[in-house]
């Protein structure tokens, strides 16, 4: 998406509330795949706590890097700022 098509905006998954997904993959595998695909947001996670725990574990284990997380946060915050959802005066 980013390399081949040059997309630099916020990338969001499809709905992640599908039981078949977590039946086949662990939350850590899903999070690692999301980070490797350079996706910024998870849409409608079935268990947000599990995704957060998996991301924390993947960070600790070195499977994903803090710089990747920082980039995703910056993209989302920049979009919110651009759309007037946040401002820099607060």
PDB file of N, CA and C in Angstrom:
ATOM      1  N   UNK A   1       0.827  -1.194   0.000  1.00  0.00           N
ATOM      2  CA  UNK A   1       0.000   0.000   0.000  1.00  0.00           C
ATOM      3  C   UNK A   1       0.867   1.252   0.000  1.00  0.00           C
ATOM      4  N   UNK A   2       1.831   1.298   0.882  1.00  0.00           N
ATOM      5  CA  UNK A   2       2.659   2.500   0.989  1.00  0.00           C
ATOM      6  C   UNK A   2       3.769   2.508  -0.064  1.00  0.00           C
ATOM      7  N   UNK A   3       4.461   1.403  -0.215  1.00  0.00           N
ATOM      8  CA  UNK A   3       5.576   1.361  -1.167  1.00  0.00           C
ATOM      9  C   UNK A   3       5.088   1.307  -2.609  1.00  0.00           C
ATOM     10  N   UNK A   4       4.184   0.388  -2.905  1.00  0.00           N
ATOM     11  CA  UNK A   4       3.756   0.205  -4.284  1.00  0.00           C
ATOM     12  C   UNK A   4       2.829   1.313  -4.776  1.00  0.00           C
ATOM     13  N   UNK A   5       1.941   1.799  -3.897  1.00  0.00           N
ATOM     14  CA  UNK A   5       0.969   2.808  -4.311  1.00  0.00           C
ATOM     15  C   UNK A   5       1.307   4.204  -3.811  1.00  0.00           C
ATOM     16  N   UNK A   6       2.306   4.300  -2.952  1.00  0.00           N
ATOM     17  CA  UNK A   6       2.720   5.598  -2.439  1.00  0.00           C
ATOM     18  C   UNK A   6       1.738   6.237  -1.479  1.00  0.00           C
ATOM     19  N   UNK A   7       0.882   5.436  -0.855  1.00  0.00           N
ATOM     20  CA  UNK A   7      -0.110   5.955   0.080  1.00  0.00           C
ATOM     21  C   UNK A   7       0.567   6.361   1.381  1.00  0.00           C
ATOM     22  N   UNK A   8       0.268   7.569   1.863  1.00  0.00           N
ATOM     23  CA  UNK A   8       0.900   8.032   3.106  1.00  0.00           C
ATOM     24  C   UNK A   8      -0.113   8.354   4.197  1.00  0.00           C
ATOM     25  N   UNK A   9      -1.389   8.091   3.932  1.00  0.00           N
ATOM     26  CA  UNK A   9      -2.432   8.385   4.909  1.00  0.00           C
ATOM     27  C   UNK A   9      -2.589   7.286   5.946  1.00  0.00           C
ATOM     28  N   UNK A  10      -3.649   7.414   6.730  1.00  0.00           N
ATOM     29  CA  UNK A  10      -3.957   6.442   7.773  1.00  0.00           C
ATOM     30  C   UNK A  10      -4.576   5.195   7.132  1.00  0.00           C
ATOM     31  N   UNK A  11      -4.017   4.045   7.441  1.00  0.00           N
ATOM     32  CA  UNK A  11      -4.537   2.767   6.940  1.00  0.00           C
ATOM     33  C   UNK A  11      -5.266   2.069   8.086  1.00  0.00           C
ATOM     34  N   UNK A  12      -6.450   1.553   7.791  1.00  0.00           N
ATOM     35  CA  UNK A  12      -7.307   0.925   8.798  1.00  0.00           C
ATOM     36  C   UNK A  12      -7.667  -0.481   8.339  1.00  0.00           C
ATOM     37  N   UNK A  13      -7.679  -1.426   9.277  1.00  0.00           N
ATOM     38  CA  UNK A  13      -8.078  -2.791   8.946  1.00  0.00           C
ATOM     39  C   UNK A  13      -9.563  -2.848   8.640  1.00  0.00           C
ATOM     40  N   UNK A  14      -9.985  -3.940   8.104  1.00  0.00           N
ATOM     41  CA  UNK A  14     -11.405  -4.254   8.010  1.00  0.00           C
ATOM     42  C   UNK A  14     -11.851  -4.603   9.441  1.00  0.00           C
ATOM     43  N   UNK A  15     -13.116  -4.840   9.652  1.00  0.00           N
ATOM     44  CA  UNK A  15     -13.602  -5.195  10.982  1.00  0.00           C
ATOM     45  C   UNK A  15     -12.886  -6.423  11.524  1.00  0.00           C
ATOM     46  N   UNK A  16     -12.374  -6.313  12.735  1.00  0.00           N
ATOM     47  CA  UNK A  16     -11.593  -7.395  13.332  1.00  0.00           C
ATOM     48  C   UNK A  16     -12.404  -8.172  14.371  1.00  0.00           C
ATOM     49  N   UNK A  17     -13.718  -8.092  14.278  1.00  0.00           N
ATOM     50  CA  UNK A  17     -14.571  -8.801  15.220  1.00  0.00           C
ATOM     51  C   UNK A  17     -15.032 -10.145  14.657  1.00  0.00           C
ATOM     52  N   UNK A  18     -14.149 -10.780  13.903  1.00  0.00           N
ATOM     53  CA  UNK A  18     -14.450 -12.049  13.252  1.00  0.00           C
ATOM     54  C   UNK A  18     -13.811 -13.182  14.047  1.00  0.00           C
ATOM     55  N   UNK A  19     -14.626 -14.072  14.572  1.00  0.00           N
ATOM     56  CA  UNK A  19     -14.115 -15.163  15.404  1.00  0.00           C
ATOM     57  C   UNK A  19     -13.143 -16.073  14.660  1.00  0.00           C
ATOM     58  N   UNK A  20     -13.343 -16.228  13.357  1.00  0.00           N
ATOM     59  CA  UNK A  20     -12.474 -17.114  12.580  1.00  0.00           C
ATOM     60  C   UNK A  20     -11.024 -16.630  12.589  1.00  0.00           C
ATOM     61  N   UNK A  21     -10.848 -15.328  12.671  1.00  0.00           N
ATOM     62  CA  UNK A  21      -9.499 -14.764  12.673  1.00  0.00           C
ATOM     63  C   UNK A  21      -8.734 -15.206  13.914  1.00  0.00           C
ATOM     64  N   UNK A  22      -9.350 -15.013  15.084  1.00  0.00           N
ATOM     65  CA  UNK A  22      -8.661 -15.388  16.327  1.00  0.00           C
ATOM     66  C   UNK A  22      -8.669 -16.900  16.555  1.00  0.00           C
ATOM     67  N   UNK A  23      -9.489 -17.632  15.826  1.00  0.00           N
ATOM     68  CA  UNK A  23      -9.458 -19.090  15.906  1.00  0.00           C
ATOM     69  C   UNK A  23      -8.224 -19.636  15.195  1.00  0.00           C
ATOM     70  N   UNK A  24      -7.757 -18.901  14.173  1.00  0.00           N
ATOM     71  CA  UNK A  24      -6.611 -19.368  13.395  1.00  0.00           C
ATOM     72  C   UNK A  24      -5.286 -18.735  13.805  1.00  0.00           C
ATOM     73  N   UNK A  25      -5.337 -17.529  14.390  1.00  0.00           N
ATOM     74  CA  UNK A  25      -4.112 -16.796  14.712  1.00  0.00           C
ATOM     75  C   UNK A  25      -4.171 -16.270  16.138  1.00  0.00           C
ATOM     76  N   UNK A  26      -3.022 -16.198  16.772  1.00  0.00           N
ATOM     77  CA  UNK A  26      -2.962 -15.589  18.104  1.00  0.00           C
ATOM     78  C   UNK A  26      -3.022 -14.072  17.948  1.00  0.00           C
ATOM     79  N   UNK A  27      -3.355 -13.387  19.028  1.00  0.00           N
ATOM     80  CA  UNK A  27      -3.391 -11.923  18.975  1.00  0.00           C
ATOM     81  C   UNK A  27      -2.011 -11.366  18.634  1.00  0.00           C
ATOM     82  N   UNK A  28      -0.968 -11.995  19.116  1.00  0.00           N
ATOM     83  CA  UNK A  28       0.385 -11.536  18.802  1.00  0.00           C
ATOM     84  C   UNK A  28       0.668 -11.680  17.308  1.00  0.00           C
ATOM     85  N   UNK A  29       0.242 -12.787  16.712  1.00  0.00           N
ATOM     86  CA  UNK A  29       0.427 -12.964  15.268  1.00  0.00           C
ATOM     87  C   UNK A  29      -0.360 -11.917  14.488  1.00  0.00           C
ATOM     88  N   UNK A  30      -1.553 -11.623  14.943  1.00  0.00           N
ATOM     89  CA  UNK A  30      -2.387 -10.623  14.265  1.00  0.00           C
ATOM     90  C   UNK A  30      -1.738  -9.249  14.369  1.00  0.00           C
ATOM     91  N   UNK A  31      -1.315  -8.873  15.571  1.00  0.00           N
ATOM     92  CA  UNK A  31      -0.676  -7.564  15.777  1.00  0.00           C
ATOM     93  C   UNK A  31       0.599  -7.456  14.961  1.00  0.00           C
ATOM     94  N   UNK A  32       1.409  -8.488  14.971  1.00  0.00           N
ATOM     95  CA  UNK A  32       2.651  -8.469  14.198  1.00  0.00           C
ATOM     96  C   UNK A  32       2.344  -8.300  12.713  1.00  0.00           C
ATOM     97  N   UNK A  33       1.326  -8.992  12.220  1.00  0.00           N
ATOM     98  CA  UNK A  33       0.922  -8.850  10.826  1.00  0.00           C
ATOM     99  C   UNK A  33       0.440  -7.443  10.507  1.00  0.00           C
ATOM    100  N   UNK A  34      -0.309  -6.867  11.436  1.00  0.00           N
ATOM    101  CA  UNK A  34      -0.802  -5.496  11.251  1.00  0.00           C
ATOM    102  C   UNK A  34       0.371  -4.529  11.172  1.00  0.00           C
ATOM    103  N   UNK A  35       1.335  -4.682  12.067  1.00  0.00           N
ATOM    104  CA  UNK A  35       2.502  -3.803  12.061  1.00  0.00           C
ATOM    105  C   UNK A  35       3.340  -4.025  10.811  1.00  0.00           C
ATOM    106  N   UNK A  36       3.530  -5.273  10.406  1.00  0.00           N
ATOM    107  CA  UNK A  36       4.313  -5.565   9.200  1.00  0.00           C
ATOM    108  C   UNK A  36       3.645  -5.014   7.948  1.00  0.00           C
ATOM    109  N   UNK A  37       2.315  -4.953   7.949  1.00  0.00           N
ATOM    110  CA  UNK A  37       1.585  -4.401   6.810  1.00  0.00           C
ATOM    111  C   UNK A  37       1.504  -2.875   6.878  1.00  0.00           C
ATOM    112  N   UNK A  38       2.050  -2.296   7.941  1.00  0.00           N
ATOM    113  CA  UNK A  38       2.066  -0.847   8.175  1.00  0.00           C
ATOM    114  C   UNK A  38       0.657  -0.256   8.238  1.00  0.00           C
ATOM    115  N   UNK A  39      -0.223  -0.979   8.919  1.00  0.00           N
ATOM    116  CA  UNK A  39      -1.588  -0.519   9.162  1.00  0.00           C
ATOM    117  C   UNK A  39      -1.593   0.251  10.476  1.00  0.00           C
ATOM    118  N   UNK A  40      -2.365   1.341  10.520  1.00  0.00           N
ATOM    119  CA  UNK A  40      -2.335   2.248  11.665  1.00  0.00           C
ATOM    120  C   UNK A  40      -3.415   1.989  12.712  1.00  0.00           C
ATOM    121  N   UNK A  41      -4.578   1.558  12.280  1.00  0.00           N
ATOM    122  CA  UNK A  41      -5.701   1.397  13.208  1.00  0.00           C
ATOM    123  C   UNK A  41      -6.403   0.062  12.992  1.00  0.00           C
ATOM    124  N   UNK A  42      -6.903  -0.502  14.100  1.00  0.00           N
ATOM    125  CA  UNK A  42      -7.676  -1.731  14.053  1.00  0.00           C
ATOM    126  C   UNK A  42      -9.148  -1.347  14.193  1.00  0.00           C
ATOM    127  N   UNK A  43      -9.944  -1.711  13.215  1.00  0.00           N
ATOM    128  CA  UNK A  43     -11.362  -1.390  13.230  1.00  0.00           C
ATOM    129  C   UNK A  43     -12.146  -2.460  13.978  1.00  0.00           C
ATOM    130  N   UNK A  44     -12.897  -2.033  14.972  1.00  0.00           N
ATOM    131  CA  UNK A  44     -13.813  -2.894  15.705  1.00  0.00           C
ATOM    132  C   UNK A  44     -13.154  -4.181  16.223  1.00  0.00           C
ATOM    133  N   UNK A  45     -12.110  -4.053  17.049  1.00  0.00           N
ATOM    134  CA  UNK A  45     -11.461  -5.256  17.576  1.00  0.00           C
ATOM    135  C   UNK A  45     -12.419  -6.041  18.471  1.00  0.00           C
ATOM    136  N   UNK A  46     -12.339  -7.353  18.393  1.00  0.00           N
ATOM    137  CA  UNK A  46     -13.226  -8.187  19.204  1.00  0.00           C
ATOM    138  C   UNK A  46     -12.870  -8.111  20.681  1.00  0.00           C
ATOM    139  N   UNK A  47     -11.591  -7.868  20.992  1.00  0.00           N
ATOM    140  CA  UNK A  47     -11.147  -7.802  22.379  1.00  0.00           C
ATOM    141  C   UNK A  47      -9.973  -6.819  22.454  1.00  0.00           C
ATOM    142  N   UNK A  48     -10.283  -5.563  22.676  1.00  0.00           N
ATOM    143  CA  UNK A  48      -9.262  -4.510  22.665  1.00  0.00           C
ATOM    144  C   UNK A  48      -8.139  -4.799  23.646  1.00  0.00           C
ATOM    145  N   UNK A  49      -8.477  -5.286  24.824  1.00  0.00           N
ATOM    146  CA  UNK A  49      -7.459  -5.597  25.827  1.00  0.00           C
ATOM    147  C   UNK A  49      -6.444  -6.607  25.328  1.00  0.00           C
ATOM    148  N   UNK A  50      -6.905  -7.609  24.592  1.00  0.00           N
ATOM    149  CA  UNK A  50      -5.991  -8.633  24.050  1.00  0.00           C
ATOM    150  C   UNK A  50      -5.070  -8.027  22.996  1.00  0.00           C
ATOM    151  N   UNK A  51      -5.594  -7.126  22.179  1.00  0.00           N
ATOM    152  CA  UNK A  51      -4.762  -6.473  21.163  1.00  0.00           C
ATOM    153  C   UNK A  51      -3.696  -5.600  21.828  1.00  0.00           C
ATOM    154  N   UNK A  52      -4.081  -4.871  22.860  1.00  0.00           N
ATOM    155  CA  UNK A  52      -3.120  -4.021  23.572  1.00  0.00           C
ATOM    156  C   UNK A  52      -2.053  -4.886  24.230  1.00  0.00           C
ATOM    157  N   UNK A  53      -2.465  -5.953  24.910  1.00  0.00           N
ATOM    158  CA  UNK A  53      -1.499  -6.862  25.543  1.00  0.00           C
ATOM    159  C   UNK A  53      -0.560  -7.484  24.521  1.00  0.00           C
ATOM    160  N   UNK A  54      -1.119  -7.870  23.382  1.00  0.00           N
ATOM    161  CA  UNK A  54      -0.299  -8.473  22.321  1.00  0.00           C
ATOM    162  C   UNK A  54       0.704  -7.465  21.777  1.00  0.00           C
ATOM    163  N   UNK A  55       0.284  -6.208  21.614  1.00  0.00           N
ATOM    164  CA  UNK A  55       1.209  -5.174  21.135  1.00  0.00           C
ATOM    165  C   UNK A  55       2.312  -4.929  22.151  1.00  0.00           C
ATOM    166  N   UNK A  56       1.964  -4.877  23.431  1.00  0.00           N
ATOM    167  CA  UNK A  56       2.976  -4.691  24.479  1.00  0.00           C
ATOM    168  C   UNK A  56       3.975  -5.841  24.487  1.00  0.00           C
ATOM    169  N   UNK A  57       3.470  -7.065  24.352  1.00  0.00           N
ATOM    170  CA  UNK A  57       4.355  -8.242  24.325  1.00  0.00           C
ATOM    171  C   UNK A  57       5.250  -8.217  23.090  1.00  0.00           C
ATOM    172  N   UNK A  58       4.671  -7.890  21.945  1.00  0.00           N
ATOM    173  CA  UNK A  58       5.454  -7.839  20.707  1.00  0.00           C
ATOM    174  C   UNK A  58       6.541  -6.761  20.796  1.00  0.00           C
ATOM    175  N   UNK A  59       6.237  -5.652  21.451  1.00  0.00           N
ATOM    176  CA  UNK A  59       7.246  -4.607  21.674  1.00  0.00           C
ATOM    177  C   UNK A  59       8.358  -5.119  22.575  1.00  0.00           C
ATOM    178  N   UNK A  60       7.985  -5.759  23.680  1.00  0.00           N
ATOM    179  CA  UNK A  60       8.972  -6.312  24.617  1.00  0.00           C
ATOM    180  C   UNK A  60       9.861  -7.352  23.953  1.00  0.00           C
ATOM    181  N   UNK A  61       9.253  -8.194  23.119  1.00  0.00           N
ATOM    182  CA  UNK A  61       9.984  -9.288  22.464  1.00  0.00           C
ATOM    183  C   UNK A  61      10.757  -8.831  21.228  1.00  0.00           C
ATOM    184  N   UNK A  62      10.602  -7.566  20.834  1.00  0.00           N
ATOM    185  CA  UNK A  62      11.306  -7.055  19.671  1.00  0.00           C
ATOM    186  C   UNK A  62      10.691  -7.451  18.342  1.00  0.00           C
ATOM    187  N   UNK A  63       9.458  -7.983  18.372  1.00  0.00           N
ATOM    188  CA  UNK A  63       8.789  -8.369  17.128  1.00  0.00           C
ATOM    189  C   UNK A  63       8.292  -7.150  16.359  1.00  0.00           C
ATOM    190  N   UNK A  64       8.002  -6.079  17.085  1.00  0.00           N
ATOM    191  CA  UNK A  64       7.675  -4.800  16.487  1.00  0.00           C
ATOM    192  C   UNK A  64       8.519  -3.744  17.190  1.00  0.00           C
ATOM    193  N   UNK A  65       8.701  -2.606  16.546  1.00  0.00           N
ATOM    194  CA  UNK A  65       9.561  -1.567  17.103  1.00  0.00           C
ATOM    195  C   UNK A  65       8.744  -0.365  17.562  1.00  0.00           C
ATOM    196  N   UNK A  66       9.250   0.291  18.597  1.00  0.00           N
ATOM    197  CA  UNK A  66       8.572   1.469  19.118  1.00  0.00           C
ATOM    198  C   UNK A  66       8.465   2.556  18.055  1.00  0.00           C
ATOM    199  N   UNK A  67       9.446   2.637  17.182  1.00  0.00           N
ATOM    200  CA  UNK A  67       9.391   3.641  16.110  1.00  0.00           C
ATOM    201  C   UNK A  67       8.209   3.394  15.176  1.00  0.00           C
ATOM    202  N   UNK A  68       7.838   2.122  14.966  1.00  0.00           N
ATOM    203  CA  UNK A  68       6.663   1.802  14.156  1.00  0.00           C
ATOM    204  C   UNK A  68       5.404   2.335  14.836  1.00  0.00           C
ATOM    205  N   UNK A  69       5.312   2.121  16.135  1.00  0.00           N
ATOM    206  CA  UNK A  69       4.167   2.605  16.898  1.00  0.00           C
ATOM    207  C   UNK A  69       4.103   4.129  16.863  1.00  0.00           C
ATOM    208  N   UNK A  70       5.250   4.770  17.034  1.00  0.00           N
ATOM    209  CA  UNK A  70       5.309   6.235  16.992  1.00  0.00           C
ATOM    210  C   UNK A  70       4.810   6.771  15.656  1.00  0.00           C
ATOM    211  N   UNK A  71       5.198   6.138  14.572  1.00  0.00           N
ATOM    212  CA  UNK A  71       4.779   6.559  13.236  1.00  0.00           C
ATOM    213  C   UNK A  71       3.263   6.455  13.090  1.00  0.00           C
ATOM    214  N   UNK A  72       2.701   5.368  13.586  1.00  0.00           N
ATOM    215  CA  UNK A  72       1.255   5.177  13.506  1.00  0.00           C
ATOM    216  C   UNK A  72       0.509   6.232  14.320  1.00  0.00           C
ATOM    217  N   UNK A  73       0.991   6.503  15.516  1.00  0.00           N
ATOM    218  CA  UNK A  73       0.362   7.514  16.374  1.00  0.00           C
ATOM    219  C   UNK A  73       0.433   8.882  15.702  1.00  0.00           C
ATOM    220  N   UNK A  74       1.585   9.213  15.125  1.00  0.00           N
ATOM    221  CA  UNK A  74       1.725  10.505  14.434  1.00  0.00           C
ATOM    222  C   UNK A  74       0.743  10.639  13.279  1.00  0.00           C
ATOM    223  N   UNK A  75       0.582   9.579  12.491  1.00  0.00           N
ATOM    224  CA  UNK A  75      -0.355   9.626  11.358  1.00  0.00           C
ATOM    225  C   UNK A  75      -1.785   9.873  11.838  1.00  0.00           C
ATOM    226  N   UNK A  76      -2.185   9.166  12.886  1.00  0.00           N
ATOM    227  CA  UNK A  76      -3.552   9.308  13.393  1.00  0.00           C
ATOM    228  C   UNK A  76      -3.753  10.698  13.987  1.00  0.00           C
ATOM    229  N   UNK A  77      -2.800  11.175  14.772  1.00  0.00           N
ATOM    230  CA  UNK A  77      -2.922  12.511  15.364  1.00  0.00           C
ATOM    231  C   UNK A  77      -2.917  13.602  14.299  1.00  0.00           C
ATOM    232  N   UNK A  78      -2.098  13.435  13.274  1.00  0.00           N
ATOM    233  CA  UNK A  78      -2.056  14.419  12.185  1.00  0.00           C
ATOM    234  C   UNK A  78      -3.408  14.471  11.468  1.00  0.00           C
ATOM    235  N   UNK A  79      -4.015  13.335  11.239  1.00  0.00           N
ATOM    236  CA  UNK A  79      -5.320  13.295  10.595  1.00  0.00           C
ATOM    237  C   UNK A  79      -6.376  13.962  11.472  1.00  0.00           C
ATOM    238  N   UNK A  80      -6.355  13.674  12.759  1.00  0.00           N
ATOM    239  CA  UNK A  80      -7.309  14.302  13.680  1.00  0.00           C
ATOM    240  C   UNK A  80      -7.127  15.814  13.687  1.00  0.00           C
ATOM    241  N   UNK A  81      -5.885  16.266  13.686  1.00  0.00           N
ATOM    242  CA  UNK A  81      -5.603  17.699  13.665  1.00  0.00           C
ATOM    243  C   UNK A  81      -6.113  18.322  12.364  1.00  0.00           C
ATOM    244  N   UNK A  82      -5.818  17.645  11.261  1.00  0.00           N
ATOM    245  CA  UNK A  82      -6.229  18.104   9.931  1.00  0.00           C
ATOM    246  C   UNK A  82      -7.749  18.249   9.825  1.00  0.00           C
ATOM    247  N   UNK A  83      -8.479  17.348  10.453  1.00  0.00           N
ATOM    248  CA  UNK A  83      -9.937  17.338  10.384  1.00  0.00           C
ATOM    249  C   UNK A  83     -10.575  18.203  11.486  1.00  0.00           C
ATOM    250  N   UNK A  84      -9.745  18.872  12.308  1.00  0.00           N
ATOM    251  CA  UNK A  84     -10.263  19.747  13.334  1.00  0.00           C
ATOM    252  C   UNK A  84     -10.765  19.045  14.584  1.00  0.00           C
ATOM    253  N   UNK A  85     -10.385  17.782  14.748  1.00  0.00           N
ATOM    254  CA  UNK A  85     -10.817  17.030  15.925  1.00  0.00           C
ATOM    255  C   UNK A  85      -9.969  17.344  17.146  1.00  0.00           C
ATOM    256  N   UNK A  86      -8.763  17.822  16.913  1.00  0.00           N
ATOM    257  CA  UNK A  86      -7.891  18.292  17.997  1.00  0.00           C
ATOM    258  C   UNK A  86      -7.228  19.579  17.505  1.00  0.00           C
ATOM    259  N   UNK A  87      -6.767  20.378  18.432  1.00  0.00           N
ATOM    260  CA  UNK A  87      -6.016  21.566  18.022  1.00  0.00           C
ATOM    261  C   UNK A  87      -4.769  21.699  18.885  1.00  0.00           C
ATOM    262  N   UNK A  88      -3.850  22.508  18.454  1.00  0.00           N
ATOM    263  CA  UNK A  88      -2.577  22.623  19.163  1.00  0.00           C
ATOM    264  C   UNK A  88      -2.612  23.665  20.268  1.00  0.00           C
ATOM    265  N   UNK A  89      -3.774  24.244  20.548  1.00  0.00           N
ATOM    266  CA  UNK A  89      -3.885  25.252  21.593  1.00  0.00           C
ATOM    267  C   UNK A  89      -4.195  24.657  22.953  1.00  0.00           C
ATOM    268  N   UNK A  90      -4.508  23.355  23.000  1.00  0.00           N
ATOM    269  CA  UNK A  90      -4.870  22.721  24.260  1.00  0.00           C
ATOM    270  C   UNK A  90      -3.655  22.352  25.063  1.00  0.00           C
TER     271      UNK A  90
END
